Amino acid sequence: MTSEPPLLDAWAAELARALDLPQDFATDVPLVLDLARDAAHSVARPAAPVTTFLVGYAAALRGGSVEDVERATEIATRLALAHADPEEPSGS
């Protein structure tokens, strides 16, 4: 799992407040970063923001629970990794 600088936790919390998300809302920053990495490295760099947006939107439509986020992330990760070039070294 990706480790993130504390700045990202602070940024996520500030943005959540600005977007009027519930006060108890917490972003799983490492989960989002891992998803973005897999999409960027397996599909194309611009796939990272598109993927994270679509996963968040799908999870929200399903109710927005932690389980909804995890399920949508699993689907997107599996799909992204299926697009990986077998000729590319892993961890690029």
C-alpha atoms as a PDB file:
ATOM      1  CA  MET A   1       0.000   0.000   0.000  1.00  0.00           C
ATOM      2  CA  THR A   2       1.161   3.507  -0.773  1.00  0.00           C
ATOM      3  CA  SER A   3       2.221   5.717   2.091  1.00  0.00           C
ATOM      4  CA  GLU A   4       1.209   9.336   1.841  1.00  0.00           C
ATOM      5  CA  PRO A   5       2.607  12.519   3.236  1.00  0.00           C
ATOM      6  CA  PRO A   6       0.555  14.034   6.089  1.00  0.00           C
ATOM      7  CA  LEU A   7      -0.163  16.940   3.757  1.00  0.00           C
ATOM      8  CA  LEU A   8      -2.506  14.729   1.732  1.00  0.00           C
ATOM      9  CA  ASP A   9      -4.565  13.814   4.794  1.00  0.00           C
ATOM     10  CA  ALA A  10      -4.867  17.506   5.652  1.00  0.00           C
ATOM     11  CA  TRP A  11      -5.762  18.372   2.060  1.00  0.00           C
ATOM     12  CA  ALA A  12      -8.402  15.614   1.897  1.00  0.00           C
ATOM     13  CA  ALA A  13      -9.955  16.800   5.162  1.00  0.00           C
ATOM     14  CA  GLU A  14      -9.980  20.438   4.028  1.00  0.00           C
ATOM     15  CA  LEU A  15     -11.523  19.535   0.675  1.00  0.00           C
ATOM     16  CA  ALA A  16     -14.135  17.303   2.335  1.00  0.00           C
ATOM     17  CA  ARG A  17     -15.192  20.239   4.536  1.00  0.00           C
ATOM     18  CA  ALA A  18     -15.314  22.598   1.546  1.00  0.00           C
ATOM     19  CA  LEU A  19     -17.492  20.094  -0.317  1.00  0.00           C
ATOM     20  CA  ASP A  20     -19.843  19.872   2.689  1.00  0.00           C
ATOM     21  CA  LEU A  21     -19.275  16.157   3.153  1.00  0.00           C
ATOM     22  CA  PRO A  22     -20.450  14.711   6.476  1.00  0.00           C
ATOM     23  CA  GLN A  23     -18.250  15.660   9.446  1.00  0.00           C
ATOM     24  CA  ASP A  24     -17.382  12.021  10.106  1.00  0.00           C
ATOM     25  CA  PHE A  25     -16.266  11.482   6.493  1.00  0.00           C
ATOM     26  CA  ALA A  26     -12.719  10.218   6.124  1.00  0.00           C
ATOM     27  CA  THR A  27     -10.785   9.633   2.928  1.00  0.00           C
ATOM     28  CA  ASP A  28      -8.758   6.458   2.628  1.00  0.00           C
ATOM     29  CA  VAL A  29      -5.876   8.303   0.952  1.00  0.00           C
ATOM     30  CA  PRO A  30      -3.647   5.217   0.503  1.00  0.00           C
ATOM     31  CA  LEU A  31      -6.525   3.365  -1.200  1.00  0.00           C
ATOM     32  CA  VAL A  32      -7.082   6.256  -3.609  1.00  0.00           C
ATOM     33  CA  LEU A  33      -3.355   6.584  -4.335  1.00  0.00           C
ATOM     34  CA  ASP A  34      -2.995   2.863  -5.006  1.00  0.00           C
ATOM     35  CA  LEU A  35      -5.967   2.953  -7.363  1.00  0.00           C
ATOM     36  CA  ALA A  36      -4.563   5.992  -9.174  1.00  0.00           C
ATOM     37  CA  ARG A  37      -1.152   4.319  -9.477  1.00  0.00           C
ATOM     38  CA  ASP A  38      -2.627   1.129 -10.919  1.00  0.00           C
ATOM     39  CA  ALA A  39      -4.720   3.051 -13.446  1.00  0.00           C
ATOM     40  CA  ALA A  40      -1.837   5.325 -14.450  1.00  0.00           C
ATOM     41  CA  HIS A  41       0.677   2.518 -14.849  1.00  0.00           C
ATOM     42  CA  SER A  42      -1.630  -0.086 -16.383  1.00  0.00           C
ATOM     43  CA  VAL A  43      -3.837   2.004 -18.644  1.00  0.00           C
ATOM     44  CA  ALA A  44      -2.379   5.492 -19.166  1.00  0.00           C
ATOM     45  CA  ARG A  45      -1.365   8.345 -16.878  1.00  0.00           C
ATOM     46  CA  PRO A  46      -4.550  10.340 -17.548  1.00  0.00           C
ATOM     47  CA  ALA A  47      -6.580   7.293 -16.472  1.00  0.00           C
ATOM     48  CA  ALA A  48      -5.694   8.011 -12.824  1.00  0.00           C
ATOM     49  CA  PRO A  49      -8.006  10.992 -12.221  1.00  0.00           C
ATOM     50  CA  VAL A  50     -10.726   9.577 -14.472  1.00  0.00           C
ATOM     51  CA  THR A  51     -10.639   6.254 -12.618  1.00  0.00           C
ATOM     52  CA  THR A  52     -10.693   7.763  -9.148  1.00  0.00           C
ATOM     53  CA  PHE A  53     -13.581  10.044 -10.108  1.00  0.00           C
ATOM     54  CA  LEU A  54     -15.630   7.197 -11.575  1.00  0.00           C
ATOM     55  CA  VAL A  55     -14.967   4.954  -8.572  1.00  0.00           C
ATOM     56  CA  GLY A  56     -16.078   7.698  -6.194  1.00  0.00           C
ATOM     57  CA  TYR A  57     -19.174   8.403  -8.243  1.00  0.00           C
ATOM     58  CA  ALA A  58     -20.103   4.722  -8.485  1.00  0.00           C
ATOM     59  CA  ALA A  59     -19.587   4.224  -4.758  1.00  0.00           C
ATOM     60  CA  ALA A  60     -21.735   7.260  -3.985  1.00  0.00           C
ATOM     61  CA  LEU A  61     -24.559   6.003  -6.185  1.00  0.00           C
ATOM     62  CA  ARG A  62     -24.461   2.685  -4.338  1.00  0.00           C
ATOM     63  CA  GLY A  63     -24.776   4.419  -0.963  1.00  0.00           C
ATOM     64  CA  GLY A  64     -21.281   5.699  -0.216  1.00  0.00           C
ATOM     65  CA  SER A  65     -20.355   3.239   2.511  1.00  0.00           C
ATOM     66  CA  VAL A  66     -16.797   2.081   3.087  1.00  0.00           C
ATOM     67  CA  GLU A  67     -17.817  -1.241   1.556  1.00  0.00           C
ATOM     68  CA  ASP A  68     -19.195   0.539  -1.536  1.00  0.00           C
ATOM     69  CA  VAL A  69     -15.887   2.356  -1.995  1.00  0.00           C
ATOM     70  CA  GLU A  70     -13.876  -0.829  -1.491  1.00  0.00           C
ATOM     71  CA  ARG A  71     -16.038  -2.793  -3.953  1.00  0.00           C
ATOM     72  CA  ALA A  72     -15.826  -0.117  -6.647  1.00  0.00           C
ATOM     73  CA  THR A  73     -12.068   0.124  -6.074  1.00  0.00           C
ATOM     74  CA  GLU A  74     -11.654  -3.632  -6.420  1.00  0.00           C
ATOM     75  CA  ILE A  75     -13.533  -3.610  -9.722  1.00  0.00           C
ATOM     76  CA  ALA A  76     -11.522  -0.695 -11.104  1.00  0.00           C
ATOM     77  CA  THR A  77      -8.199  -2.131  -9.942  1.00  0.00           C
ATOM     78  CA  ARG A  78      -8.932  -5.510 -11.478  1.00  0.00           C
ATOM     79  CA  LEU A  79      -9.941  -3.873 -14.769  1.00  0.00           C
ATOM     80  CA  ALA A  80      -6.915  -1.562 -14.811  1.00  0.00           C
ATOM     81  CA  LEU A  81      -4.477  -4.371 -14.074  1.00  0.00           C
ATOM     82  CA  ALA A  82      -6.030  -6.412 -16.888  1.00  0.00           C
ATOM     83  CA  HIS A  83      -4.874  -3.628 -19.228  1.00  0.00           C
ATOM     84  CA  ALA A  84      -1.263  -3.823 -18.072  1.00  0.00           C
ATOM     85  CA  ASP A  85       1.288  -4.456 -20.796  1.00  0.00           C
ATOM     86  CA  PRO A  86       2.877  -7.833 -20.025  1.00  0.00           C
ATOM     87  CA  GLU A  87       6.085  -6.547 -21.629  1.00  0.00           C
ATOM     88  CA  GLU A  88       6.374  -3.677 -19.111  1.00  0.00           C
ATOM     89  CA  PRO A  89       8.367  -4.326 -15.946  1.00  0.00           C
ATOM     90  CA  SER A  90       6.124  -4.150 -12.857  1.00  0.00           C
ATOM     91  CA  GLY A  91       6.484  -1.246 -10.452  1.00  0.00           C
ATOM     92  CA  SER A  92       7.093   1.301 -13.193  1.00  0.00           C
END
